Amino acid sequence: MAETFFDELFKCYFIAFGVLLGGSLIGGLASFATGRPLLTGISQISEGLRIWAIIAAIGGTFDTVYSFERGFLNGETKDLFKQFLLILSAMGGTATGTAIIVWLTGEHISP
């Protein structure tokens, strides 16, 4: 069953959101287990996980690179625009996840 573009857009957003939020929270348990501060560990993991959440959401880089190549070389700007929107949607998911992590951990508050 073929999915519509808007289904892909929402899926991309929530995959990036889930990878960032889940990976940071579960990875923070490793910080706790090793005796490091839990909330600082969660915040640091979320910073390093952002690009990987975007890549996981768009399904790897080869399809995206192929779509960009097709858009530039063959003049198929529709595919180029769709890939741009998918990447933008994934970036929105990571931004939302990062905002929630910052809100939960309070790492943005300076002493």
C-alpha atoms as a PDB file:
ATOM      1  CA  MET A   1       0.000   0.000   0.000  1.00  0.00           C
ATOM      2  CA  ALA A   2       1.510   3.296  -1.081  1.00  0.00           C
ATOM      3  CA  GLU A   3       1.673   6.055   1.497  1.00  0.00           C
ATOM      4  CA  THR A   4       0.825   9.618   0.665  1.00  0.00           C
ATOM      5  CA  PHE A   5       3.383  12.359   0.988  1.00  0.00           C
ATOM      6  CA  PHE A   6       1.721  13.794   4.083  1.00  0.00           C
ATOM      7  CA  ASP A   7       1.887  10.386   5.763  1.00  0.00           C
ATOM      8  CA  GLU A   8       5.622  10.346   5.070  1.00  0.00           C
ATOM      9  CA  LEU A   9       5.953  13.888   6.414  1.00  0.00           C
ATOM     10  CA  PHE A  10       4.289  13.029   9.733  1.00  0.00           C
ATOM     11  CA  LYS A  11       6.154   9.744   9.989  1.00  0.00           C
ATOM     12  CA  CYS A  12       9.450  11.523   9.410  1.00  0.00           C
ATOM     13  CA  TYR A  13       8.664  14.079  12.117  1.00  0.00           C
ATOM     14  CA  PHE A  14       7.697  11.548  14.752  1.00  0.00           C
ATOM     15  CA  ILE A  15      10.520   9.118  13.988  1.00  0.00           C
ATOM     16  CA  ALA A  16      13.077  11.874  14.509  1.00  0.00           C
ATOM     17  CA  PHE A  17      11.233  12.998  17.648  1.00  0.00           C
ATOM     18  CA  GLY A  18      11.104   9.458  19.038  1.00  0.00           C
ATOM     19  CA  VAL A  19      14.716   8.621  18.248  1.00  0.00           C
ATOM     20  CA  LEU A  20      15.943  11.763  19.954  1.00  0.00           C
ATOM     21  CA  LEU A  21      13.689  11.587  22.997  1.00  0.00           C
ATOM     22  CA  GLY A  22      13.938   7.834  23.537  1.00  0.00           C
ATOM     23  CA  GLY A  23      17.646   7.618  22.835  1.00  0.00           C
ATOM     24  CA  SER A  24      18.436  10.479  25.177  1.00  0.00           C
ATOM     25  CA  LEU A  25      16.321   9.188  28.038  1.00  0.00           C
ATOM     26  CA  ILE A  26      17.496   5.589  27.765  1.00  0.00           C
ATOM     27  CA  GLY A  27      21.090   6.697  27.182  1.00  0.00           C
ATOM     28  CA  GLY A  28      20.863   8.832  30.300  1.00  0.00           C
ATOM     29  CA  LEU A  29      20.444   5.641  32.309  1.00  0.00           C
ATOM     30  CA  ALA A  30      23.998   4.741  31.293  1.00  0.00           C
ATOM     31  CA  SER A  31      25.183   8.025  32.779  1.00  0.00           C
ATOM     32  CA  PHE A  32      23.364   7.218  35.985  1.00  0.00           C
ATOM     33  CA  ALA A  33      24.762   3.677  36.061  1.00  0.00           C
ATOM     34  CA  THR A  34      28.330   4.968  35.698  1.00  0.00           C
ATOM     35  CA  GLY A  35      27.958   7.538  38.462  1.00  0.00           C
ATOM     36  CA  ARG A  36      27.642  10.647  36.303  1.00  0.00           C
ATOM     37  CA  PRO A  37      24.863  13.225  36.647  1.00  0.00           C
ATOM     38  CA  LEU A  38      21.702  11.894  35.015  1.00  0.00           C
ATOM     39  CA  LEU A  39      20.253  15.123  33.658  1.00  0.00           C
ATOM     40  CA  THR A  40      23.583  16.362  32.300  1.00  0.00           C
ATOM     41  CA  GLY A  41      24.083  13.028  30.567  1.00  0.00           C
ATOM     42  CA  ILE A  42      20.635  13.199  28.985  1.00  0.00           C
ATOM     43  CA  SER A  43      21.332  16.719  27.730  1.00  0.00           C
ATOM     44  CA  GLN A  44      24.728  15.794  26.282  1.00  0.00           C
ATOM     45  CA  ILE A  45      23.379  12.689  24.567  1.00  0.00           C
ATOM     46  CA  SER A  46      20.544  14.655  22.988  1.00  0.00           C
ATOM     47  CA  GLU A  47      23.043  17.109  21.459  1.00  0.00           C
ATOM     48  CA  GLY A  48      25.033  14.294  19.861  1.00  0.00           C
ATOM     49  CA  LEU A  49      21.992  12.351  18.735  1.00  0.00           C
ATOM     50  CA  ARG A  50      20.308  15.092  16.702  1.00  0.00           C
ATOM     51  CA  ILE A  51      21.964  14.394  13.338  1.00  0.00           C
ATOM     52  CA  TRP A  52      21.429  10.646  13.730  1.00  0.00           C
ATOM     53  CA  ALA A  53      17.749  11.168  14.459  1.00  0.00           C
ATOM     54  CA  ILE A  54      17.415  13.145  11.216  1.00  0.00           C
ATOM     55  CA  ILE A  55      19.229  10.451   9.225  1.00  0.00           C
ATOM     56  CA  ALA A  56      17.106   7.700  10.779  1.00  0.00           C
ATOM     57  CA  ALA A  57      13.925   9.614   9.998  1.00  0.00           C
ATOM     58  CA  ILE A  58      14.674  10.168   6.319  1.00  0.00           C
ATOM     59  CA  GLY A  59      15.648   6.523   5.884  1.00  0.00           C
ATOM     60  CA  GLY A  60      19.365   6.854   5.332  1.00  0.00           C
ATOM     61  CA  THR A  61      21.291   9.154   3.075  1.00  0.00           C
ATOM     62  CA  PHE A  62      21.454   7.270  -0.226  1.00  0.00           C
ATOM     63  CA  ASP A  63      17.806   7.735  -1.199  1.00  0.00           C
ATOM     64  CA  THR A  64      18.010  11.407  -0.374  1.00  0.00           C
ATOM     65  CA  VAL A  65      21.208  11.889  -2.370  1.00  0.00           C
ATOM     66  CA  TYR A  66      19.684  10.019  -5.312  1.00  0.00           C
ATOM     67  CA  SER A  67      16.574  12.202  -5.184  1.00  0.00           C
ATOM     68  CA  PHE A  68      18.679  15.350  -5.080  1.00  0.00           C
ATOM     69  CA  GLU A  69      20.718  14.094  -8.040  1.00  0.00           C
ATOM     70  CA  ARG A  70      17.557  13.325  -9.981  1.00  0.00           C
ATOM     71  CA  GLY A  71      16.176  16.752  -9.121  1.00  0.00           C
ATOM     72  CA  PHE A  72      19.245  18.626 -10.289  1.00  0.00           C
ATOM     73  CA  LEU A  73      20.306  16.589 -13.311  1.00  0.00           C
ATOM     74  CA  ASN A  74      16.948  15.517 -14.708  1.00  0.00           C
ATOM     75  CA  GLY A  75      15.041  18.649 -13.821  1.00  0.00           C
ATOM     76  CA  GLU A  76      12.602  16.870 -11.490  1.00  0.00           C
ATOM     77  CA  THR A  77      12.163  19.691  -9.021  1.00  0.00           C
ATOM     78  CA  LYS A  78       9.114  18.049  -7.458  1.00  0.00           C
ATOM     79  CA  ASP A  79      11.267  15.262  -5.948  1.00  0.00           C
ATOM     80  CA  LEU A  80      13.836  17.811  -4.841  1.00  0.00           C
ATOM     81  CA  PHE A  81      11.171  19.844  -3.052  1.00  0.00           C
ATOM     82  CA  LYS A  82       9.689  16.732  -1.420  1.00  0.00           C
ATOM     83  CA  GLN A  83      13.070  15.649  -0.050  1.00  0.00           C
ATOM     84  CA  PHE A  84      13.678  19.145   1.259  1.00  0.00           C
ATOM     85  CA  LEU A  85      10.338  19.060   3.088  1.00  0.00           C
ATOM     86  CA  LEU A  86      11.095  15.609   4.541  1.00  0.00           C
ATOM     87  CA  ILE A  87      14.432  16.828   5.882  1.00  0.00           C
ATOM     88  CA  LEU A  88      12.749  19.947   7.252  1.00  0.00           C
ATOM     89  CA  SER A  89      10.111  17.791   8.952  1.00  0.00           C
ATOM     90  CA  ALA A  90      12.804  15.610  10.538  1.00  0.00           C
ATOM     91  CA  MET A  91      14.630  18.716  11.732  1.00  0.00           C
ATOM     92  CA  GLY A  92      11.377  19.914  13.301  1.00  0.00           C
ATOM     93  CA  GLY A  93      11.052  16.611  15.152  1.00  0.00           C
ATOM     94  CA  THR A  94      14.563  16.900  16.540  1.00  0.00           C
ATOM     95  CA  ALA A  95      13.989  20.530  17.506  1.00  0.00           C
ATOM     96  CA  THR A  96      10.839  19.566  19.397  1.00  0.00           C
ATOM     97  CA  GLY A  97      12.623  16.688  21.120  1.00  0.00           C
ATOM     98  CA  THR A  98      15.538  18.936  22.062  1.00  0.00           C
ATOM     99  CA  ALA A  99      13.161  21.557  23.456  1.00  0.00           C
ATOM    100  CA  ILE A 100      11.495  18.925  25.636  1.00  0.00           C
ATOM    101  CA  ILE A 101      14.872  17.605  26.833  1.00  0.00           C
ATOM    102  CA  VAL A 102      16.041  21.131  27.699  1.00  0.00           C
ATOM    103  CA  TRP A 103      12.759  21.787  29.470  1.00  0.00           C
ATOM    104  CA  LEU A 104      12.966  18.550  31.481  1.00  0.00           C
ATOM    105  CA  THR A 105      16.644  18.785  32.402  1.00  0.00           C
ATOM    106  CA  GLY A 106      16.931  22.530  32.958  1.00  0.00           C
ATOM    107  CA  GLU A 107      20.412  22.540  31.428  1.00  0.00           C
ATOM    108  CA  HIS A 108      19.816  25.912  29.806  1.00  0.00           C
ATOM    109  CA  ILE A 109      19.578  27.657  33.166  1.00  0.00           C
ATOM    110  CA  SER A 110      22.889  29.209  34.151  1.00  0.00           C
ATOM    111  CA  PRO A 111      23.871  29.662  37.814  1.00  0.00           C
END
